[in-house]
Structures are given as structure tokens and as C-alpha cells.
Amino acid sequence: MAPERNVCSGLGGLTLKRIRVMVVDDSLQFASAVAQFLACSGGFEVLASAHSGGEALARAATEQPDLMLIDISMPGMSGLAVASSIKALRAPPKVVVMTLEDCMENRVGAIAAGADAFLPKIDFARELRNVVETLFGAGFCRGWANGPGE
């Protein structure tokens, strides 16, 4: 039996599923900022952040997020290795790889790791809505009125 998902009210009385998100970043400051941004955007249930690859893999198994936002550059296990391990699961969440270093090598690495999307951190606030619409459907963002991207 699938775990029950929280719901939020959308426009016109529609009921929308909340996307359960895990942020994986060794920068506590960035992870906290992303969690606050998502909480204010509506439609997200922000799970506890993971600050290392090993922690991300352990928490993903127990918390079963719908979406993981994973930083590429972390000490120990890289974000690309985490993404690859997560996408090898039987029912993996959507994975968005993030980085400060937007270069072809990182974009190709994200694709090779099986990531569903690549998002430079500099574009996070501006592009998250487009990424979410691509991964979960445009209907999700109808409840995002006057939120990011508008």
C-alpha cells in the first residue's frame, strides 16, 4: 500500500497532491534557503535535508520523496553518484541535479547519472517552476498563483 500523501487546495477548489521534496546539499545555508523557498511556494512538503550522499541514500529509502534536489559537489560521494544510485531503485523519485558550476561536463554527467533535470543554482528561483511543470505536469503549478515565476 502506498503511503498517504498530503494534499493542498488549488484554484477553483481543485485538490492537488503535495510533492514530497528532499534537498541534498552539503551547504546548510543553501539547503535551508531552498526549503524556505519551497515552503513559501505551496504544493511542496519539504522533508528533512540530507547533507551527504550516504545520508541522502539512507533517508530516501525511509522517507520516499517524490523529488530529490541533489547538489553535484559534495565531499565523499558526489551528487552524480547519489543520483545514479537513486535512479537505480525500483521506484525512484524524480531527480534534479543542481550545481554552481554550469558547464557541459556537469550537464552530460547529470544525464549519464539518470537525472530527470539539470538546474544551475543561479537559476533556481527563476527556473524551478518550469522544471516542476516538466516533471509533474502543468496542472501542478496552477496552484502556484502569484508565486515564483509569476
N, C-alpha and C. Protein backbone atom coordinates (compact mmCIF):
# COMPACT_ATOMS: atom_id res chain seq x y z
N MET A 1 0.85 -1.18 0.00
CA MET A 1 0.00 0.00 0.00
C MET A 1 0.88 1.24 0.00
N ALA A 2 0.60 2.19 -0.87
CA ALA A 2 1.40 3.40 -0.98
C ALA A 2 1.15 4.31 0.21
N PRO A 3 2.18 5.04 0.64
CA PRO A 3 1.98 5.96 1.74
C PRO A 3 1.02 7.07 1.36
N GLU A 4 0.25 7.55 2.31
CA GLU A 4 -0.70 8.62 2.06
C GLU A 4 0.05 9.92 1.83
N ARG A 5 -0.36 10.68 0.86
CA ARG A 5 0.29 11.94 0.54
C ARG A 5 -0.60 13.08 1.04
N ASN A 6 0.02 14.12 1.55
CA ASN A 6 -0.74 15.30 1.95
C ASN A 6 -1.25 16.00 0.71
N VAL A 7 -2.32 16.75 0.86
CA VAL A 7 -2.87 17.49 -0.27
C VAL A 7 -3.00 18.95 0.13
N CYS A 8 -3.07 19.81 -0.88
CA CYS A 8 -3.31 21.23 -0.64
C CYS A 8 -4.40 21.68 -1.59
N SER A 9 -5.03 22.77 -1.28
CA SER A 9 -6.09 23.28 -2.14
C SER A 9 -5.49 24.09 -3.27
N GLY A 10 -5.98 23.85 -4.46
CA GLY A 10 -5.54 24.61 -5.62
C GLY A 10 -6.61 25.59 -6.01
N LEU A 11 -6.52 26.16 -7.19
CA LEU A 11 -7.50 27.10 -7.68
C LEU A 11 -8.80 26.39 -8.00
N GLY A 12 -9.90 27.08 -7.85
CA GLY A 12 -11.20 26.52 -8.21
C GLY A 12 -11.59 25.32 -7.39
N GLY A 13 -11.06 25.18 -6.20
CA GLY A 13 -11.43 24.07 -5.34
C GLY A 13 -10.79 22.76 -5.70
N LEU A 14 -9.86 22.77 -6.65
CA LEU A 14 -9.16 21.54 -7.01
C LEU A 14 -8.29 21.09 -5.85
N THR A 15 -8.16 19.81 -5.68
CA THR A 15 -7.26 19.29 -4.66
C THR A 15 -6.04 18.73 -5.36
N LEU A 16 -4.88 19.21 -4.96
CA LEU A 16 -3.65 18.80 -5.60
C LEU A 16 -2.77 18.05 -4.60
N LYS A 17 -2.05 17.07 -5.10
CA LYS A 17 -1.08 16.37 -4.25
C LYS A 17 0.10 17.29 -3.98
N ARG A 18 0.61 17.19 -2.78
CA ARG A 18 1.82 17.92 -2.45
C ARG A 18 3.00 17.06 -2.86
N ILE A 19 4.00 17.67 -3.43
CA ILE A 19 5.21 16.96 -3.85
C ILE A 19 6.15 16.91 -2.66
N ARG A 20 6.52 15.69 -2.27
CA ARG A 20 7.44 15.48 -1.15
C ARG A 20 8.87 15.63 -1.66
N VAL A 21 9.58 16.64 -1.14
CA VAL A 21 10.88 17.01 -1.66
C VAL A 21 11.97 16.81 -0.61
N MET A 22 13.09 16.23 -1.04
CA MET A 22 14.29 16.14 -0.22
C MET A 22 15.39 16.95 -0.89
N VAL A 23 16.01 17.84 -0.12
CA VAL A 23 17.13 18.65 -0.60
C VAL A 23 18.41 17.99 -0.12
N VAL A 24 19.33 17.73 -1.05
CA VAL A 24 20.61 17.10 -0.73
C VAL A 24 21.72 18.08 -1.10
N ASP A 25 22.31 18.69 -0.08
CA ASP A 25 23.36 19.69 -0.31
C ASP A 25 24.21 19.79 0.94
N ASP A 26 25.52 19.82 0.78
CA ASP A 26 26.40 19.94 1.94
C ASP A 26 26.42 21.35 2.50
N SER A 27 25.88 22.33 1.79
CA SER A 27 25.77 23.70 2.29
C SER A 27 24.47 23.82 3.08
N LEU A 28 24.59 23.92 4.40
CA LEU A 28 23.41 24.05 5.25
C LEU A 28 22.63 25.31 4.89
N GLN A 29 23.35 26.38 4.55
CA GLN A 29 22.72 27.65 4.20
C GLN A 29 21.87 27.51 2.93
N PHE A 30 22.43 26.89 1.90
CA PHE A 30 21.68 26.74 0.65
C PHE A 30 20.49 25.80 0.86
N ALA A 31 20.69 24.68 1.55
CA ALA A 31 19.61 23.72 1.79
C ALA A 31 18.47 24.39 2.55
N SER A 32 18.80 25.22 3.52
CA SER A 32 17.78 25.93 4.30
C SER A 32 17.03 26.94 3.43
N ALA A 33 17.76 27.66 2.59
CA ALA A 33 17.12 28.63 1.69
C ALA A 33 16.17 27.94 0.72
N VAL A 34 16.59 26.80 0.17
CA VAL A 34 15.73 26.05 -0.75
C VAL A 34 14.47 25.56 -0.02
N ALA A 35 14.64 25.04 1.19
CA ALA A 35 13.50 24.55 1.96
C ALA A 35 12.50 25.68 2.22
N GLN A 36 12.99 26.86 2.58
CA GLN A 36 12.11 28.01 2.82
C GLN A 36 11.41 28.43 1.53
N PHE A 37 12.14 28.46 0.44
CA PHE A 37 11.57 28.84 -0.86
C PHE A 37 10.44 27.88 -1.24
N LEU A 38 10.68 26.58 -1.08
CA LEU A 38 9.67 25.59 -1.41
C LEU A 38 8.45 25.70 -0.51
N ALA A 39 8.68 25.91 0.78
CA ALA A 39 7.58 26.03 1.73
C ALA A 39 6.69 27.23 1.38
N CYS A 40 7.29 28.32 0.92
CA CYS A 40 6.54 29.51 0.55
C CYS A 40 5.86 29.38 -0.81
N SER A 41 6.33 28.48 -1.63
CA SER A 41 5.78 28.31 -2.98
C SER A 41 4.47 27.56 -2.98
N GLY A 42 4.22 26.77 -1.95
CA GLY A 42 2.99 25.98 -1.90
C GLY A 42 3.12 24.73 -2.75
N GLY A 43 2.39 23.71 -2.37
CA GLY A 43 2.39 22.48 -3.15
C GLY A 43 3.52 21.53 -2.84
N PHE A 44 4.37 21.88 -1.89
CA PHE A 44 5.50 21.03 -1.54
C PHE A 44 5.44 20.65 -0.07
N GLU A 45 5.83 19.45 0.22
CA GLU A 45 6.11 19.03 1.59
C GLU A 45 7.61 18.82 1.65
N VAL A 46 8.29 19.67 2.38
CA VAL A 46 9.74 19.62 2.44
C VAL A 46 10.16 18.64 3.53
N LEU A 47 10.84 17.59 3.13
CA LEU A 47 11.36 16.61 4.07
C LEU A 47 12.67 17.13 4.64
N ALA A 48 13.17 16.48 5.66
CA ALA A 48 14.46 16.88 6.22
C ALA A 48 15.53 16.83 5.13
N SER A 49 16.42 17.80 5.15
CA SER A 49 17.51 17.83 4.18
C SER A 49 18.57 16.80 4.54
N ALA A 50 19.27 16.35 3.52
CA ALA A 50 20.43 15.47 3.71
C ALA A 50 21.66 16.27 3.31
N HIS A 51 22.76 16.07 4.05
CA HIS A 51 23.94 16.88 3.80
C HIS A 51 25.14 16.08 3.30
N SER A 52 24.89 14.81 2.96
CA SER A 52 25.93 13.96 2.36
C SER A 52 25.24 12.91 1.51
N GLY A 53 26.03 12.30 0.63
CA GLY A 53 25.47 11.26 -0.24
C GLY A 53 24.93 10.08 0.53
N GLY A 54 25.68 9.61 1.50
CA GLY A 54 25.24 8.46 2.30
C GLY A 54 23.96 8.75 3.05
N GLU A 55 23.88 9.94 3.63
CA GLU A 55 22.67 10.34 4.35
C GLU A 55 21.48 10.41 3.39
N ALA A 56 21.71 10.93 2.19
CA ALA A 56 20.64 11.03 1.19
C ALA A 56 20.09 9.66 0.82
N LEU A 57 20.99 8.70 0.59
CA LEU A 57 20.53 7.35 0.23
C LEU A 57 19.75 6.71 1.36
N ALA A 58 20.21 6.86 2.59
CA ALA A 58 19.51 6.28 3.73
C ALA A 58 18.13 6.92 3.93
N ARG A 59 18.07 8.24 3.86
CA ARG A 59 16.79 8.93 4.07
C ARG A 59 15.80 8.69 2.92
N ALA A 60 16.31 8.60 1.71
CA ALA A 60 15.43 8.36 0.57
C ALA A 60 14.71 7.03 0.72
N ALA A 61 15.42 6.04 1.25
CA ALA A 61 14.81 4.72 1.43
C ALA A 61 13.68 4.75 2.45
N THR A 62 13.81 5.56 3.49
CA THR A 62 12.78 5.59 4.52
C THR A 62 11.71 6.66 4.29
N GLU A 63 12.09 7.80 3.74
CA GLU A 63 11.14 8.90 3.59
C GLU A 63 10.41 8.91 2.25
N GLN A 64 10.91 8.19 1.28
CA GLN A 64 10.29 8.05 -0.04
C GLN A 64 9.82 9.38 -0.65
N PRO A 65 10.77 10.27 -0.95
CA PRO A 65 10.40 11.54 -1.58
C PRO A 65 9.90 11.33 -3.00
N ASP A 66 9.14 12.30 -3.50
CA ASP A 66 8.71 12.31 -4.90
C ASP A 66 9.76 12.99 -5.77
N LEU A 67 10.52 13.89 -5.14
CA LEU A 67 11.50 14.69 -5.85
C LEU A 67 12.72 14.88 -4.96
N MET A 68 13.91 14.70 -5.55
CA MET A 68 15.16 14.97 -4.85
C MET A 68 15.93 16.03 -5.62
N LEU A 69 16.33 17.09 -4.92
CA LEU A 69 17.16 18.14 -5.47
C LEU A 69 18.56 17.88 -4.94
N ILE A 70 19.48 17.48 -5.81
CA ILE A 70 20.80 16.99 -5.39
C ILE A 70 21.92 17.86 -5.95
N ASP A 71 22.76 18.37 -5.04
CA ASP A 71 23.94 19.14 -5.43
C ASP A 71 25.00 18.19 -5.99
N ILE A 72 25.68 18.59 -7.03
CA ILE A 72 26.74 17.75 -7.60
C ILE A 72 27.95 17.68 -6.69
N SER A 73 28.40 18.84 -6.20
CA SER A 73 29.66 18.90 -5.46
C SER A 73 29.44 18.73 -3.96
N MET A 74 29.76 17.54 -3.48
CA MET A 74 29.70 17.25 -2.05
C MET A 74 30.92 16.42 -1.70
N PRO A 75 31.41 16.57 -0.46
CA PRO A 75 32.55 15.74 -0.07
C PRO A 75 32.14 14.27 0.01
N GLY A 76 33.08 13.40 -0.26
CA GLY A 76 32.75 11.97 -0.23
C GLY A 76 32.04 11.57 -1.50
N MET A 77 30.84 11.08 -1.38
CA MET A 77 30.04 10.64 -2.53
C MET A 77 29.49 11.85 -3.28
N SER A 78 29.80 11.95 -4.56
CA SER A 78 29.32 13.09 -5.36
C SER A 78 27.82 13.01 -5.58
N GLY A 79 27.24 14.14 -5.93
CA GLY A 79 25.82 14.17 -6.24
C GLY A 79 25.46 13.33 -7.45
N LEU A 80 26.39 13.21 -8.40
CA LEU A 80 26.13 12.36 -9.57
C LEU A 80 26.06 10.89 -9.17
N ALA A 81 26.92 10.47 -8.23
CA ALA A 81 26.87 9.09 -7.75
C ALA A 81 25.58 8.85 -6.97
N VAL A 82 25.15 9.83 -6.20
CA VAL A 82 23.88 9.71 -5.45
C VAL A 82 22.73 9.58 -6.45
N ALA A 83 22.71 10.45 -7.46
CA ALA A 83 21.64 10.42 -8.46
C ALA A 83 21.59 9.06 -9.15
N SER A 84 22.74 8.55 -9.53
CA SER A 84 22.80 7.25 -10.19
C SER A 84 22.26 6.13 -9.30
N SER A 85 22.64 6.15 -8.03
CA SER A 85 22.14 5.14 -7.08
C SER A 85 20.64 5.26 -6.87
N ILE A 86 20.15 6.48 -6.75
CA ILE A 86 18.71 6.70 -6.55
C ILE A 86 17.93 6.23 -7.77
N LYS A 87 18.40 6.56 -8.97
CA LYS A 87 17.67 6.19 -10.19
C LYS A 87 17.71 4.69 -10.45
N ALA A 88 18.60 3.96 -9.78
CA ALA A 88 18.66 2.51 -9.92
C ALA A 88 17.63 1.80 -9.05
N LEU A 89 16.95 2.53 -8.18
CA LEU A 89 15.93 1.93 -7.32
C LEU A 89 14.73 1.47 -8.15
N ARG A 90 13.94 0.59 -7.58
CA ARG A 90 12.79 0.03 -8.29
C ARG A 90 11.76 1.11 -8.65
N ALA A 91 11.47 2.00 -7.73
CA ALA A 91 10.52 3.09 -7.99
C ALA A 91 11.17 4.40 -7.55
N PRO A 92 12.10 4.91 -8.36
CA PRO A 92 12.86 6.09 -7.94
C PRO A 92 12.04 7.38 -8.00
N PRO A 93 12.41 8.33 -7.16
CA PRO A 93 11.81 9.66 -7.26
C PRO A 93 12.38 10.39 -8.47
N LYS A 94 11.78 11.50 -8.81
CA LYS A 94 12.36 12.39 -9.81
C LYS A 94 13.62 12.99 -9.20
N VAL A 95 14.65 13.17 -10.00
CA VAL A 95 15.92 13.70 -9.52
C VAL A 95 16.30 14.92 -10.35
N VAL A 96 16.56 16.02 -9.65
CA VAL A 96 17.07 17.23 -10.27
C VAL A 96 18.47 17.46 -9.71
N VAL A 97 19.45 17.51 -10.60
CA VAL A 97 20.83 17.76 -10.20
C VAL A 97 21.07 19.27 -10.28
N MET A 98 21.67 19.81 -9.21
CA MET A 98 21.95 21.24 -9.13
C MET A 98 23.46 21.47 -8.97
N THR A 99 23.91 22.63 -9.40
CA THR A 99 25.31 22.98 -9.22
C THR A 99 25.54 24.47 -9.42
N LEU A 100 26.60 24.96 -8.82
CA LEU A 100 27.03 26.33 -9.08
C LEU A 100 27.82 26.40 -10.38
N GLU A 101 28.39 25.28 -10.79
CA GLU A 101 29.26 25.22 -11.96
C GLU A 101 28.50 24.69 -13.17
N ASP A 102 27.86 25.59 -13.91
CA ASP A 102 27.07 25.21 -15.07
C ASP A 102 28.01 25.06 -16.27
N CYS A 103 28.43 23.83 -16.52
CA CYS A 103 29.30 23.56 -17.67
C CYS A 103 28.82 22.29 -18.36
N MET A 104 29.29 22.08 -19.56
CA MET A 104 28.86 20.92 -20.34
C MET A 104 29.20 19.62 -19.62
N GLU A 105 30.35 19.54 -18.97
CA GLU A 105 30.74 18.32 -18.26
C GLU A 105 29.71 17.95 -17.19
N ASN A 106 29.21 18.93 -16.44
CA ASN A 106 28.22 18.65 -15.41
C ASN A 106 26.87 18.28 -16.01
N ARG A 107 26.50 18.93 -17.10
CA ARG A 107 25.22 18.61 -17.76
C ARG A 107 25.25 17.17 -18.32
N VAL A 108 26.34 16.81 -18.97
CA VAL A 108 26.49 15.45 -19.51
C VAL A 108 26.53 14.43 -18.37
N GLY A 109 27.24 14.78 -17.30
CA GLY A 109 27.31 13.89 -16.13
C GLY A 109 25.95 13.65 -15.51
N ALA A 110 25.13 14.70 -15.44
CA ALA A 110 23.78 14.57 -14.88
C ALA A 110 22.93 13.62 -15.74
N ILE A 111 23.02 13.78 -17.04
CA ILE A 111 22.28 12.90 -17.95
C ILE A 111 22.75 11.47 -17.80
N ALA A 112 24.07 11.28 -17.76
CA ALA A 112 24.63 9.94 -17.62
C ALA A 112 24.21 9.28 -16.29
N ALA A 113 24.04 10.10 -15.25
CA ALA A 113 23.64 9.57 -13.94
C ALA A 113 22.15 9.26 -13.88
N GLY A 114 21.40 9.65 -14.91
CA GLY A 114 19.97 9.36 -14.94
C GLY A 114 19.09 10.45 -14.39
N ALA A 115 19.65 11.63 -14.14
CA ALA A 115 18.86 12.74 -13.60
C ALA A 115 17.73 13.10 -14.56
N ASP A 116 16.61 13.52 -13.99
CA ASP A 116 15.46 13.93 -14.79
C ASP A 116 15.58 15.37 -15.27
N ALA A 117 16.41 16.15 -14.57
CA ALA A 117 16.61 17.55 -14.95
C ALA A 117 17.92 18.06 -14.36
N PHE A 118 18.42 19.12 -14.96
CA PHE A 118 19.63 19.80 -14.51
C PHE A 118 19.25 21.24 -14.24
N LEU A 119 19.65 21.79 -13.09
CA LEU A 119 19.26 23.15 -12.73
C LEU A 119 20.45 23.88 -12.10
N PRO A 120 21.01 24.84 -12.82
CA PRO A 120 22.07 25.64 -12.21
C PRO A 120 21.52 26.39 -10.99
N LYS A 121 22.28 26.42 -9.91
CA LYS A 121 21.80 27.07 -8.69
C LYS A 121 21.49 28.54 -8.91
N ILE A 122 22.23 29.19 -9.77
CA ILE A 122 21.99 30.62 -10.04
C ILE A 122 20.59 30.85 -10.61
N ASP A 123 20.03 29.84 -11.28
CA ASP A 123 18.70 29.95 -11.91
C ASP A 123 17.61 29.29 -11.08
N PHE A 124 17.93 28.82 -9.88
CA PHE A 124 16.98 28.01 -9.10
C PHE A 124 15.62 28.69 -8.95
N ALA A 125 15.58 29.89 -8.38
CA ALA A 125 14.31 30.56 -8.11
C ALA A 125 13.53 30.86 -9.39
N ARG A 126 14.24 31.21 -10.45
CA ARG A 126 13.59 31.58 -11.70
C ARG A 126 13.11 30.36 -12.49
N GLU A 127 13.82 29.24 -12.42
CA GLU A 127 13.53 28.10 -13.28
C GLU A 127 12.84 26.91 -12.60
N LEU A 128 12.73 26.94 -11.27
CA LEU A 128 12.13 25.79 -10.59
C LEU A 128 10.73 25.48 -11.10
N ARG A 129 9.93 26.50 -11.32
CA ARG A 129 8.56 26.28 -11.79
C ARG A 129 8.55 25.51 -13.11
N ASN A 130 9.40 25.89 -14.05
CA ASN A 130 9.48 25.20 -15.34
C ASN A 130 9.89 23.74 -15.15
N VAL A 131 10.85 23.51 -14.27
CA VAL A 131 11.31 22.14 -14.01
C VAL A 131 10.18 21.31 -13.41
N VAL A 132 9.46 21.86 -12.44
CA VAL A 132 8.36 21.14 -11.79
C VAL A 132 7.25 20.84 -12.80
N GLU A 133 6.93 21.82 -13.66
CA GLU A 133 5.91 21.59 -14.69
C GLU A 133 6.33 20.49 -15.65
N THR A 134 7.60 20.46 -16.01
CA THR A 134 8.09 19.43 -16.91
C THR A 134 8.01 18.05 -16.26
N LEU A 135 8.39 17.96 -15.00
CA LEU A 135 8.46 16.66 -14.33
C LEU A 135 7.12 16.15 -13.81
N PHE A 136 6.24 17.07 -13.38
CA PHE A 136 5.00 16.65 -12.72
C PHE A 136 3.74 17.10 -13.45
N GLY A 137 3.88 17.85 -14.53
CA GLY A 137 2.73 18.30 -15.30
C GLY A 137 2.37 19.74 -14.98
N ALA A 138 1.84 20.42 -15.97
CA ALA A 138 1.50 21.84 -15.82
C ALA A 138 0.40 22.05 -14.79
N GLY A 139 -0.45 21.07 -14.57
CA GLY A 139 -1.54 21.21 -13.60
C GLY A 139 -1.06 21.49 -12.20
N PHE A 140 0.12 20.97 -11.87
CA PHE A 140 0.63 21.21 -10.52
C PHE A 140 0.81 22.69 -10.26
N CYS A 141 1.33 23.41 -11.20
CA CYS A 141 1.70 24.81 -10.97
C CYS A 141 0.51 25.75 -11.05
N ARG A 142 -0.69 25.24 -11.37
CA ARG A 142 -1.86 26.12 -11.32
C ARG A 142 -2.10 26.62 -9.91
N GLY A 143 -1.72 25.85 -8.90
CA GLY A 143 -1.89 26.27 -7.52
C GLY A 143 -0.78 27.19 -7.06
N TRP A 144 0.12 27.55 -7.95
CA TRP A 144 1.29 28.35 -7.62
C TRP A 144 1.02 29.82 -7.97
N ALA A 145 -0.22 30.25 -7.84
CA ALA A 145 -0.60 31.61 -8.23
C ALA A 145 0.20 32.64 -7.45
N ASN A 146 0.65 33.66 -8.16
CA ASN A 146 1.43 34.75 -7.58
C ASN A 146 2.67 34.27 -6.85
N GLY A 147 3.11 33.06 -7.16
CA GLY A 147 4.31 32.52 -6.53
C GLY A 147 5.50 32.72 -7.43
N PRO A 148 6.54 31.96 -7.20
CA PRO A 148 7.76 32.09 -8.01
C PRO A 148 7.46 31.94 -9.49
N GLY A 149 8.11 32.75 -10.27
CA GLY A 149 7.96 32.66 -11.72
C GLY A 149 6.83 33.50 -12.25
N GLU A 150 6.07 34.16 -11.38
CA GLU A 150 4.98 34.99 -11.86
C GLU A 150 5.21 36.43 -11.51
